[in-house]
Protein backbone atom coordinates (compact mmCIF):
# COMPACT_ATOMS: atom_id res chain seq x y z
CA MET A 1 41.66 -17.23 101.30
CA LYS A 2 40.60 -14.86 104.01
CA ASN A 3 42.77 -17.02 106.38
CA THR A 4 46.02 -16.73 104.13
CA ILE A 5 45.64 -13.15 103.88
CA ARG A 6 45.14 -13.03 107.65
CA ASN A 7 47.69 -15.26 108.44
CA ARG A 8 50.48 -13.76 106.35
CA PHE A 9 49.44 -10.28 108.04
CA LEU A 10 49.87 -11.75 111.19
CA VAL A 11 53.37 -12.89 110.26
CA VAL A 12 54.37 -9.69 108.69
CA ILE A 13 53.17 -7.75 112.30
CA ILE A 14 54.88 -10.46 114.40
CA LEU A 15 58.13 -9.95 112.26
CA CYS A 16 58.00 -6.39 112.81
CA LEU A 17 57.32 -6.36 116.72
CA PRO A 18 61.00 -6.50 117.28
CA ALA A 19 61.80 -3.54 115.43
CA CYS A 20 59.66 -1.31 117.84
CA GLY A 21 62.32 -1.30 120.10
CA PHE A 22 64.47 0.80 118.14
CA VAL A 23 61.51 3.31 117.42
CA SER A 24 62.57 6.49 119.30
CA ALA A 25 60.97 10.07 120.13
CA THR A 26 62.32 13.44 120.80
CA SER A 27 61.16 14.71 124.20
CA LEU A 28 62.28 17.90 125.77
CA MET A 29 63.19 18.21 129.13
CA ARG A 30 62.56 21.69 131.19
CA LEU A 31 65.89 23.20 131.74
CA SER A 32 66.53 25.98 133.94
CA ILE A 33 67.95 29.24 132.31
CA ALA A 34 71.45 28.37 134.29
CA GLU A 35 71.28 25.10 132.56
CA MET A 36 70.75 26.31 129.06
CA ALA A 37 73.26 29.16 129.45
CA LYS A 38 76.08 26.22 130.25
CA ALA A 39 74.75 24.17 127.19
CA SER A 40 74.64 27.00 124.87
CA PRO A 41 77.97 28.00 122.85
CA VAL A 42 76.26 31.18 121.72
CA ILE A 43 73.90 33.51 123.19
CA VAL A 44 72.59 36.45 121.19
CA ARG A 45 70.26 39.24 120.92
CA ALA A 46 69.02 39.23 117.01
CA LYS A 47 66.66 40.66 114.55
CA CYS A 48 64.65 38.53 112.48
CA ILE A 49 65.23 39.27 108.79
CA ALA A 50 63.48 36.81 106.74
CA ASN A 51 62.22 33.16 106.58
CA THR A 52 62.79 30.37 104.23
CA THR A 53 61.75 26.62 103.99
CA ALA A 54 63.45 23.86 102.19
CA TRP A 55 63.32 20.15 101.88
CA ASP A 56 66.47 18.55 103.65
CA ARG A 57 66.83 14.67 103.84
CA GLY A 58 63.08 13.98 103.59
CA GLU A 59 61.84 16.61 106.03
CA ILE A 60 60.76 20.29 105.83
CA TRP A 61 63.08 22.73 107.64
CA THR A 62 62.63 26.52 108.18
CA PHE A 63 65.68 28.42 107.80
CA THR A 64 65.41 32.30 109.52
CA SER A 65 68.34 34.90 109.00
CA PHE A 66 68.88 37.15 111.85
CA SER A 67 71.20 39.93 112.03
CA LEU A 68 72.96 40.23 115.32
CA GLU A 69 72.24 42.99 117.69
CA GLU A 70 74.64 41.86 120.50
CA THR A 71 76.51 38.77 121.30
CA TRP A 72 76.48 37.57 125.22
CA LYS A 73 78.46 34.46 124.81
CA GLY A 74 80.61 32.85 121.79
CA ALA A 75 81.60 34.44 118.93
CA PRO A 76 79.10 34.16 115.87
CA PRO A 77 79.36 36.14 112.74
CA GLY A 78 77.09 39.23 112.14
CA HIS A 79 74.60 37.36 110.29
CA ILE A 80 73.26 33.77 111.04
CA SER A 81 71.02 31.45 109.83
CA VAL A 82 68.93 29.40 112.43
CA ARG A 83 67.73 25.74 111.15
CA LEU A 84 64.32 24.49 113.14
CA LEU A 85 62.21 21.28 111.82
CA GLY A 86 58.77 22.03 110.41
CA GLY A 87 57.44 24.67 108.28
CA ARG A 88 55.48 25.16 105.24
CA LEU A 89 56.66 24.31 101.53
CA GLY A 90 53.96 24.59 98.79
CA ASP A 91 50.53 22.58 100.12
CA LEU A 92 52.49 20.84 102.63
CA THR A 93 52.84 21.93 106.18
CA SER A 94 55.09 20.17 108.99
CA THR A 95 54.33 21.46 112.24
CA VAL A 96 56.43 20.22 115.31
CA SER A 97 55.29 21.03 118.55
CA GLU A 98 57.79 23.23 120.86
CA VAL A 99 59.62 24.38 117.76
CA PRO A 100 59.57 28.55 117.73
CA ARG A 101 58.63 30.36 114.71
CA PHE A 102 59.81 34.14 114.01
CA ARG A 103 58.66 37.07 112.22
CA PRO A 104 60.53 39.52 110.19
CA GLY A 105 61.68 42.68 112.36
CA GLU A 106 61.14 40.49 115.65
CA ASP A 107 63.80 41.08 118.25
CA VAL A 108 65.06 38.13 120.39
CA LEU A 109 67.19 36.58 122.57
CA LEU A 110 68.27 33.10 121.45
CA PHE A 111 70.21 30.35 123.18
CA LEU A 112 71.85 28.68 120.41
CA GLU A 113 74.35 25.88 119.03
CA PRO A 114 75.89 25.17 115.85
CA THR A 115 74.66 22.41 113.51
CA PRO A 116 76.97 20.48 111.59
CA ARG A 117 75.78 22.06 108.51
CA GLY A 118 77.19 25.51 109.44
CA ASP A 119 74.11 27.23 110.59
CA TYR A 120 72.55 27.01 114.17
CA SER A 121 69.60 25.42 116.21
CA VAL A 122 67.83 26.82 119.49
CA VAL A 123 68.95 25.03 122.25
CA SER A 124 65.69 23.26 123.87
CA TRP A 125 63.82 25.01 121.06
CA MET A 126 61.00 27.25 122.72
CA GLN A 127 62.65 27.22 126.10
CA GLY A 128 65.87 28.98 124.55
CA THR A 129 63.96 31.52 122.81
CA PHE A 130 62.96 34.89 124.56
CA ARG A 131 60.95 37.85 122.73
CA ILE A 132 62.20 41.40 123.35
CA ARG A 133 59.20 43.92 123.86
CA ARG A 134 59.42 47.49 124.45
CA ASP A 135 57.04 48.62 127.30
CA PRO A 136 54.71 51.31 125.70
CA GLN A 137 54.35 53.46 128.99
CA THR A 138 58.13 53.34 130.11
CA GLY A 139 59.95 52.56 127.06
CA GLU A 140 61.89 49.98 128.90
CA GLU A 141 62.77 46.77 126.83
CA ARG A 142 61.59 43.50 128.37
CA VAL A 143 62.21 39.71 128.07
CA THR A 144 59.80 36.87 128.03
CA GLN A 145 60.44 33.26 127.42
CA ASP A 146 58.41 31.65 124.76
CA THR A 147 57.44 28.75 127.63
CA ALA A 148 57.06 31.06 130.54
CA ALA A 149 53.19 30.48 130.25
CA PHE A 150 53.58 26.52 130.03
CA ALA A 151 52.85 24.95 133.14
CA ALA A 152 54.92 22.10 133.87
CA PHE A 153 54.48 19.15 136.76
CA ASP A 154 56.73 19.35 139.53
CA THR A 155 57.27 16.14 141.14
CA ALA A 156 58.51 17.90 144.06
CA THR A 157 55.52 19.71 145.06
CA ARG A 158 53.29 17.50 142.96
CA GLN A 159 51.49 20.49 141.23
CA PHE A 160 51.70 22.25 137.87
CA GLU A 161 53.58 25.47 137.94
CA ALA A 162 54.47 27.84 135.35
CA ALA A 163 58.27 28.58 135.14
CA GLY A 164 60.82 30.78 133.05
CA ALA A 165 61.27 34.41 132.72
CA ARG A 166 58.24 36.74 132.19
CA ASN A 167 58.32 40.41 131.63
CA VAL A 168 61.93 40.77 133.08
CA PRO A 169 63.69 44.05 132.44
CA LEU A 170 66.09 43.16 129.73
CA GLY A 171 69.12 44.99 132.01
CA GLU A 172 68.29 42.98 134.78
CA PHE A 173 68.08 39.55 132.78
CA ARG A 174 71.36 40.61 130.92
CA ALA A 175 73.00 41.12 134.44
CA HIS A 176 71.87 37.54 135.99
CA LEU A 177 72.66 36.03 132.69
CA ALA A 178 76.20 37.67 132.68
CA ALA A 179 76.62 36.38 136.18
CA MET A 180 75.96 32.64 135.18
CA ILE A 181 78.15 32.60 132.59
CA ARG A 182 80.95 34.33 134.51
CA ASN A 183 80.44 31.73 137.23
CA GLU A 184 80.59 28.81 134.55
CA SER A 185 83.63 29.84 132.99
CA GLU A 186 85.31 30.09 136.81
CA ARG A 187 84.29 26.56 137.25
CA LYS A 188 86.12 25.17 134.59
CA PRO A 189 89.73 23.71 134.87
């Protein structure tokens, strides 16, 4: 009896092995700000209004409502919803690495792409998310990229290095990004 069960189990495993080639995973490649600006049809400064969660096609999704403070690229409506995988729904929590979360009242800069469902997603998730904070001493607004503290392996130097915008004056960041967007549009035929 034990041999029969074991043999059936082995047959099932052997039959399932070819399907392993079709399994895929999501991995995010580190993008420069210029690469994200090019990939993002919409770049906005926005204020988080609220978060909701819902099931969609067997997954928990968080939908964050934002009111737009400024549009730096594209032509989105004045209020948008950003859809990101994961969240908490009842007693279930779905946590997805690299997915940003937002708090009501928070001021952010987002690199966005529209989804087929009419809402938006953040380009490269945490990489496309920048928090805006006011310096308590000077009152100056500063920008920090969510991934600025994460070290990545640089194959050229063979070392781990932190990359991204950290504590950059908002005006300086805006001017730098505007130049990137201008250069990108001048290169298009």
